[in-house]
């Protein structure tokens, strides 16, 4: 889910090894209902948080939906 950090577009990215989140600035190329096209700031395969972003803080552990416990 797209959010803002210091007035700039940002997303929460999950570190797959630690399962913690970090806020990452991104460049938005296009914003349509239900879809955001990111130009810079993400690498292929990175996991972006899509729900519950309002409750996150940097370094917080998360559980991936559908992931083995």
PDB file of N, CA and C in Angstrom:
ATOM      1  N   UNK A   1       0.847  -1.176   0.000  1.00  0.00           N
ATOM      2  CA  UNK A   1       0.000   0.000   0.000  1.00  0.00           C
ATOM      3  C   UNK A   1       0.891   1.237   0.000  1.00  0.00           C
ATOM      4  N   UNK A   2       0.520   2.179  -0.780  1.00  0.00           N
ATOM      5  CA  UNK A   2       1.282   3.414  -0.896  1.00  0.00           C
ATOM      6  C   UNK A   2       0.994   4.307   0.300  1.00  0.00           C
ATOM      7  N   UNK A   3       2.044   4.883   0.875  1.00  0.00           N
ATOM      8  CA  UNK A   3       1.915   5.812   1.988  1.00  0.00           C
ATOM      9  C   UNK A   3       2.875   6.966   1.735  1.00  0.00           C
ATOM     10  N   UNK A   4       3.153   7.775   2.752  1.00  0.00           N
ATOM     11  CA  UNK A   4       4.073   8.894   2.588  1.00  0.00           C
ATOM     12  C   UNK A   4       5.093   8.900   3.720  1.00  0.00           C
ATOM     13  N   UNK A   5       6.310   9.318   3.393  1.00  0.00           N
ATOM     14  CA  UNK A   5       7.373   9.497   4.381  1.00  0.00           C
ATOM     15  C   UNK A   5       8.057  10.824   4.068  1.00  0.00           C
ATOM     16  N   UNK A   6       8.034  11.727   5.020  1.00  0.00           N
ATOM     17  CA  UNK A   6       8.624  13.053   4.826  1.00  0.00           C
ATOM     18  C   UNK A   6       8.081  13.729   3.570  1.00  0.00           C
ATOM     19  N   UNK A   7       6.784  13.563   3.331  1.00  0.00           N
ATOM     20  CA  UNK A   7       6.126  14.202   2.204  1.00  0.00           C
ATOM     21  C   UNK A   7       6.321  13.525   0.865  1.00  0.00           C
ATOM     22  N   UNK A   8       7.024  12.400   0.833  1.00  0.00           N
ATOM     23  CA  UNK A   8       7.296  11.689  -0.414  1.00  0.00           C
ATOM     24  C   UNK A   8       6.581  10.342  -0.425  1.00  0.00           C
ATOM     25  N   UNK A   9       6.219   9.831  -1.613  1.00  0.00           N
ATOM     26  CA  UNK A   9       5.598   8.507  -1.691  1.00  0.00           C
ATOM     27  C   UNK A   9       6.535   7.440  -1.129  1.00  0.00           C
ATOM     28  N   UNK A  10       5.961   6.466  -0.423  1.00  0.00           N
ATOM     29  CA  UNK A  10       6.761   5.402   0.187  1.00  0.00           C
ATOM     30  C   UNK A  10       5.920   4.145   0.342  1.00  0.00           C
ATOM     31  N   UNK A  11       6.601   3.021   0.513  1.00  0.00           N
ATOM     32  CA  UNK A  11       5.944   1.738   0.782  1.00  0.00           C
ATOM     33  C   UNK A  11       6.704   1.041   1.905  1.00  0.00           C
ATOM     34  N   UNK A  12       6.024   0.130   2.600  1.00  0.00           N
ATOM     35  CA  UNK A  12       6.659  -0.713   3.603  1.00  0.00           C
ATOM     36  C   UNK A  12       7.125  -1.983   2.912  1.00  0.00           C
ATOM     37  N   UNK A  13       8.415  -2.310   3.070  1.00  0.00           N
ATOM     38  CA  UNK A  13       9.018  -3.483   2.448  1.00  0.00           C
ATOM     39  C   UNK A  13       9.407  -4.471   3.543  1.00  0.00           C
ATOM     40  N   UNK A  14       9.151  -5.771   3.296  1.00  0.00           N
ATOM     41  CA  UNK A  14       9.454  -6.825   4.265  1.00  0.00           C
ATOM     42  C   UNK A  14      10.818  -7.436   3.955  1.00  0.00           C
ATOM     43  N   UNK A  15      11.672  -7.516   4.973  1.00  0.00           N
ATOM     44  CA  UNK A  15      12.949  -8.221   4.855  1.00  0.00           C
ATOM     45  C   UNK A  15      12.648  -9.708   5.019  1.00  0.00           C
ATOM     46  N   UNK A  16      12.909 -10.541   4.003  1.00  0.00           N
ATOM     47  CA  UNK A  16      12.528 -11.957   4.074  1.00  0.00           C
ATOM     48  C   UNK A  16      13.303 -12.756   5.120  1.00  0.00           C
ATOM     49  N   UNK A  17      14.487 -12.317   5.493  1.00  0.00           N
ATOM     50  CA  UNK A  17      15.286 -13.048   6.484  1.00  0.00           C
ATOM     51  C   UNK A  17      14.832 -12.778   7.913  1.00  0.00           C
ATOM     52  N   UNK A  18      14.550 -11.517   8.214  1.00  0.00           N
ATOM     53  CA  UNK A  18      14.168 -11.148   9.580  1.00  0.00           C
ATOM     54  C   UNK A  18      12.668 -10.980   9.755  1.00  0.00           C
ATOM     55  N   UNK A  19      11.948 -10.917   8.635  1.00  0.00           N
ATOM     56  CA  UNK A  19      10.504 -10.646   8.627  1.00  0.00           C
ATOM     57  C   UNK A  19      10.169  -9.365   9.382  1.00  0.00           C
ATOM     58  N   UNK A  20      11.020  -8.363   9.185  1.00  0.00           N
ATOM     59  CA  UNK A  20      10.769  -7.034   9.732  1.00  0.00           C
ATOM     60  C   UNK A  20      10.522  -6.082   8.568  1.00  0.00           C
ATOM     61  N   UNK A  21       9.920  -4.932   8.881  1.00  0.00           N
ATOM     62  CA  UNK A  21       9.564  -3.984   7.832  1.00  0.00           C
ATOM     63  C   UNK A  21      10.430  -2.734   7.891  1.00  0.00           C
ATOM     64  N   UNK A  22      10.582  -2.119   6.727  1.00  0.00           N
ATOM     65  CA  UNK A  22      11.288  -0.846   6.601  1.00  0.00           C
ATOM     66  C   UNK A  22      10.497   0.027   5.642  1.00  0.00           C
ATOM     67  N   UNK A  23      10.444   1.306   5.928  1.00  0.00           N
ATOM     68  CA  UNK A  23       9.760   2.253   5.055  1.00  0.00           C
ATOM     69  C   UNK A  23      10.734   2.686   3.971  1.00  0.00           C
ATOM     70  N   UNK A  24      10.299   2.597   2.721  1.00  0.00           N
ATOM     71  CA  UNK A  24      11.172   2.871   1.581  1.00  0.00           C
ATOM     72  C   UNK A  24      10.531   3.912   0.670  1.00  0.00           C
ATOM     73  N   UNK A  25      11.276   4.968   0.360  1.00  0.00           N
ATOM     74  CA  UNK A  25      10.813   5.971  -0.593  1.00  0.00           C
ATOM     75  C   UNK A  25      10.772   5.359  -1.991  1.00  0.00           C
ATOM     76  N   UNK A  26       9.753   5.715  -2.768  1.00  0.00           N
ATOM     77  CA  UNK A  26       9.605   5.203  -4.129  1.00  0.00           C
ATOM     78  C   UNK A  26       9.209   6.338  -5.066  1.00  0.00           C
ATOM     79  N   UNK A  27       9.434   6.107  -6.352  1.00  0.00           N
ATOM     80  CA  UNK A  27       8.980   7.028  -7.386  1.00  0.00           C
ATOM     81  C   UNK A  27       7.741   6.418  -8.035  1.00  0.00           C
ATOM     82  N   UNK A  28       6.637   7.151  -8.011  1.00  0.00           N
ATOM     83  CA  UNK A  28       5.386   6.679  -8.604  1.00  0.00           C
ATOM     84  C   UNK A  28       5.295   7.198 -10.036  1.00  0.00           C
ATOM     85  N   UNK A  29       5.169   6.266 -10.988  1.00  0.00           N
ATOM     86  CA  UNK A  29       5.004   6.651 -12.388  1.00  0.00           C
ATOM     87  C   UNK A  29       3.536   6.839 -12.744  1.00  0.00           C
ATOM     88  N   UNK A  30       2.689   5.977 -12.185  1.00  0.00           N
ATOM     89  CA  UNK A  30       1.257   6.043 -12.487  1.00  0.00           C
ATOM     90  C   UNK A  30       0.476   5.527 -11.290  1.00  0.00           C
ATOM     91  N   UNK A  31      -0.656   6.179 -11.038  1.00  0.00           N
ATOM     92  CA  UNK A  31      -1.534   5.783  -9.941  1.00  0.00           C
ATOM     93  C   UNK A  31      -2.940   5.648 -10.506  1.00  0.00           C
ATOM     94  N   UNK A  32      -3.438   4.424 -10.577  1.00  0.00           N
ATOM     95  CA  UNK A  32      -4.795   4.138 -11.037  1.00  0.00           C
ATOM     96  C   UNK A  32      -5.539   3.463  -9.900  1.00  0.00           C
ATOM     97  N   UNK A  33      -6.878   3.459  -9.926  1.00  0.00           N
ATOM     98  CA  UNK A  33      -7.616   2.746  -8.874  1.00  0.00           C
ATOM     99  C   UNK A  33      -7.184   1.279  -8.805  1.00  0.00           C
ATOM    100  N   UNK A  34      -6.680   0.869  -7.644  1.00  0.00           N
ATOM    101  CA  UNK A  34      -6.286  -0.519  -7.450  1.00  0.00           C
ATOM    102  C   UNK A  34      -4.920  -0.891  -7.983  1.00  0.00           C
ATOM    103  N   UNK A  35      -4.181   0.072  -8.538  1.00  0.00           N
ATOM    104  CA  UNK A  35      -2.875  -0.249  -9.128  1.00  0.00           C
ATOM    105  C   UNK A  35      -1.948   0.966  -9.044  1.00  0.00           C
ATOM    106  N   UNK A  36      -0.692   0.696  -8.662  1.00  0.00           N
ATOM    107  CA  UNK A  36       0.336   1.738  -8.619  1.00  0.00           C
ATOM    108  C   UNK A  36       1.543   1.226  -9.393  1.00  0.00           C
ATOM    109  N   UNK A  37       2.042   2.023 -10.312  1.00  0.00           N
ATOM    110  CA  UNK A  37       3.233   1.661 -11.075  1.00  0.00           C
ATOM    111  C   UNK A  37       4.429   2.408 -10.487  1.00  0.00           C
ATOM    112  N   UNK A  38       5.398   1.647  -9.963  1.00  0.00           N
ATOM    113  CA  UNK A  38       6.577   2.213  -9.312  1.00  0.00           C
ATOM    114  C   UNK A  38       7.731   2.246 -10.303  1.00  0.00           C
ATOM    115  N   UNK A  39       8.389   3.397 -10.416  1.00  0.00           N
ATOM    116  CA  UNK A  39       9.517   3.537 -11.332  1.00  0.00           C
ATOM    117  C   UNK A  39      10.850   3.244 -10.676  1.00  0.00           C
ATOM    118  N   UNK A  40      11.030   3.694  -9.437  1.00  0.00           N
ATOM    119  CA  UNK A  40      12.283   3.483  -8.717  1.00  0.00           C
ATOM    120  C   UNK A  40      11.990   3.252  -7.246  1.00  0.00           C
ATOM    121  N   UNK A  41      12.911   2.537  -6.579  1.00  0.00           N
ATOM    122  CA  UNK A  41      12.800   2.344  -5.143  1.00  0.00           C
ATOM    123  C   UNK A  41      12.536   0.915  -4.722  1.00  0.00           C
ATOM    124  N   UNK A  42      12.163   0.054  -5.678  1.00  0.00           N
ATOM    125  CA  UNK A  42      11.918  -1.359  -5.386  1.00  0.00           C
ATOM    126  C   UNK A  42      12.713  -2.233  -6.344  1.00  0.00           C
ATOM    127  N   UNK A  43      13.096  -3.400  -5.849  1.00  0.00           N
ATOM    128  CA  UNK A  43      13.766  -4.388  -6.691  1.00  0.00           C
ATOM    129  C   UNK A  43      12.778  -5.506  -7.009  1.00  0.00           C
ATOM    130  N   UNK A  44      12.930  -6.181  -8.141  1.00  0.00           N
ATOM    131  CA  UNK A  44      12.042  -7.299  -8.468  1.00  0.00           C
ATOM    132  C   UNK A  44      12.030  -8.337  -7.346  1.00  0.00           C
ATOM    133  N   UNK A  45      10.838  -8.795  -6.994  1.00  0.00           N
ATOM    134  CA  UNK A  45      10.688  -9.834  -5.984  1.00  0.00           C
ATOM    135  C   UNK A  45      10.545  -9.335  -4.560  1.00  0.00           C
ATOM    136  N   UNK A  46      10.773  -8.048  -4.318  1.00  0.00           N
ATOM    137  CA  UNK A  46      10.610  -7.542  -2.954  1.00  0.00           C
ATOM    138  C   UNK A  46       9.142  -7.610  -2.546  1.00  0.00           C
ATOM    139  N   UNK A  47       8.916  -7.891  -1.266  1.00  0.00           N
ATOM    140  CA  UNK A  47       7.561  -8.018  -0.736  1.00  0.00           C
ATOM    141  C   UNK A  47       7.141  -6.677  -0.142  1.00  0.00           C
ATOM    142  N   UNK A  48       6.025  -6.143  -0.645  1.00  0.00           N
ATOM    143  CA  UNK A  48       5.482  -4.872  -0.182  1.00  0.00           C
ATOM    144  C   UNK A  48       4.236  -5.143   0.650  1.00  0.00           C
ATOM    145  N   UNK A  49       4.137  -4.490   1.799  1.00  0.00           N
ATOM    146  CA  UNK A  49       2.962  -4.627   2.659  1.00  0.00           C
ATOM    147  C   UNK A  49       1.783  -3.940   1.977  1.00  0.00           C
ATOM    148  N   UNK A  50       0.642  -4.648   1.907  1.00  0.00           N
ATOM    149  CA  UNK A  50      -0.532  -4.094   1.225  1.00  0.00           C
ATOM    150  C   UNK A  50      -1.697  -3.798   2.154  1.00  0.00           C
ATOM    151  N   UNK A  51      -1.609  -4.191   3.420  1.00  0.00           N
ATOM    152  CA  UNK A  51      -2.700  -3.931   4.366  1.00  0.00           C
ATOM    153  C   UNK A  51      -2.122  -3.666   5.747  1.00  0.00           C
ATOM    154  N   UNK A  52      -2.795  -2.809   6.501  1.00  0.00           N
ATOM    155  CA  UNK A  52      -2.391  -2.534   7.870  1.00  0.00           C
ATOM    156  C   UNK A  52      -1.202  -1.611   8.016  1.00  0.00           C
ATOM    157  N   UNK A  53      -0.874  -0.862   6.977  1.00  0.00           N
ATOM    158  CA  UNK A  53       0.325  -0.022   7.020  1.00  0.00           C
ATOM    159  C   UNK A  53       0.240   1.089   8.059  1.00  0.00           C
ATOM    160  N   UNK A  54      -0.964   1.512   8.413  1.00  0.00           N
ATOM    161  CA  UNK A  54      -1.114   2.608   9.367  1.00  0.00           C
ATOM    162  C   UNK A  54      -0.625   2.227  10.760  1.00  0.00           C
ATOM    163  N   UNK A  55      -0.501   0.937  11.055  1.00  0.00           N
ATOM    164  CA  UNK A  55      -0.080   0.482  12.383  1.00  0.00           C
ATOM    165  C   UNK A  55       1.392   0.079  12.437  1.00  0.00           C
ATOM    166  N   UNK A  56       2.110   0.169  11.321  1.00  0.00           N
ATOM    167  CA  UNK A  56       3.504  -0.297  11.286  1.00  0.00           C
ATOM    168  C   UNK A  56       4.485   0.747  11.798  1.00  0.00           C
ATOM    169  N   UNK A  57       5.624   0.243  12.286  1.00  0.00           N
ATOM    170  CA  UNK A  57       6.750   1.100  12.664  1.00  0.00           C
ATOM    171  C   UNK A  57       8.028   0.411  12.171  1.00  0.00           C
ATOM    172  N   UNK A  58       9.076   1.167  11.886  1.00  0.00           N
ATOM    173  CA  UNK A  58      10.310   0.566  11.371  1.00  0.00           C
ATOM    174  C   UNK A  58      10.850  -0.529  12.286  1.00  0.00           C
ATOM    175  N   UNK A  59      11.258  -1.648  11.673  1.00  0.00           N
ATOM    176  CA  UNK A  59      11.831  -2.762  12.415  1.00  0.00           C
ATOM    177  C   UNK A  59      10.823  -3.709  13.021  1.00  0.00           C
ATOM    178  N   UNK A  60       9.542  -3.415  12.861  1.00  0.00           N
ATOM    179  CA  UNK A  60       8.494  -4.271  13.434  1.00  0.00           C
ATOM    180  C   UNK A  60       8.465  -5.617  12.724  1.00  0.00           C
ATOM    181  N   UNK A  61       8.321  -6.698  13.493  1.00  0.00           N
ATOM    182  CA  UNK A  61       8.169  -8.034  12.909  1.00  0.00           C
ATOM    183  C   UNK A  61       6.752  -8.177  12.372  1.00  0.00           C
ATOM    184  N   UNK A  62       6.626  -8.874  11.236  1.00  0.00           N
ATOM    185  CA  UNK A  62       5.324  -9.116  10.624  1.00  0.00           C
ATOM    186  C   UNK A  62       5.201 -10.590  10.263  1.00  0.00           C
ATOM    187  N   UNK A  63       3.972 -11.018  10.066  1.00  0.00           N
ATOM    188  CA  UNK A  63       3.691 -12.379   9.614  1.00  0.00           C
ATOM    189  C   UNK A  63       3.085 -12.266   8.226  1.00  0.00           C
ATOM    190  N   UNK A  64       3.640 -13.007   7.288  1.00  0.00           N
ATOM    191  CA  UNK A  64       3.125 -12.984   5.923  1.00  0.00           C
ATOM    192  C   UNK A  64       1.897 -13.868   5.836  1.00  0.00           C
ATOM    193  N   UNK A  65       0.816 -13.345   5.282  1.00  0.00           N
ATOM    194  CA  UNK A  65      -0.390 -14.147   5.103  1.00  0.00           C
ATOM    195  C   UNK A  65      -0.096 -15.285   4.149  1.00  0.00           C
ATOM    196  N   UNK A  66      -0.514 -16.480   4.514  1.00  0.00           N
ATOM    197  CA  UNK A  66      -0.282 -17.647   3.681  1.00  0.00           C
ATOM    198  C   UNK A  66       1.080 -18.275   3.876  1.00  0.00           C
ATOM    199  N   UNK A  67       1.923 -17.667   4.707  1.00  0.00           N
ATOM    200  CA  UNK A  67       3.263 -18.217   4.955  1.00  0.00           C
ATOM    201  C   UNK A  67       3.204 -19.264   6.059  1.00  0.00           C
ATOM    202  N   UNK A  68       4.103 -20.218   6.006  1.00  0.00           N
ATOM    203  CA  UNK A  68       4.181 -21.238   7.059  1.00  0.00           C
ATOM    204  C   UNK A  68       4.589 -20.586   8.368  1.00  0.00           C
ATOM    205  N   UNK A  69       4.049 -21.074   9.467  1.00  0.00           N
ATOM    206  CA  UNK A  69       4.347 -20.471  10.768  1.00  0.00           C
ATOM    207  C   UNK A  69       5.579 -21.007  11.312  1.00  0.00           C
TER     208      UNK A  69
END
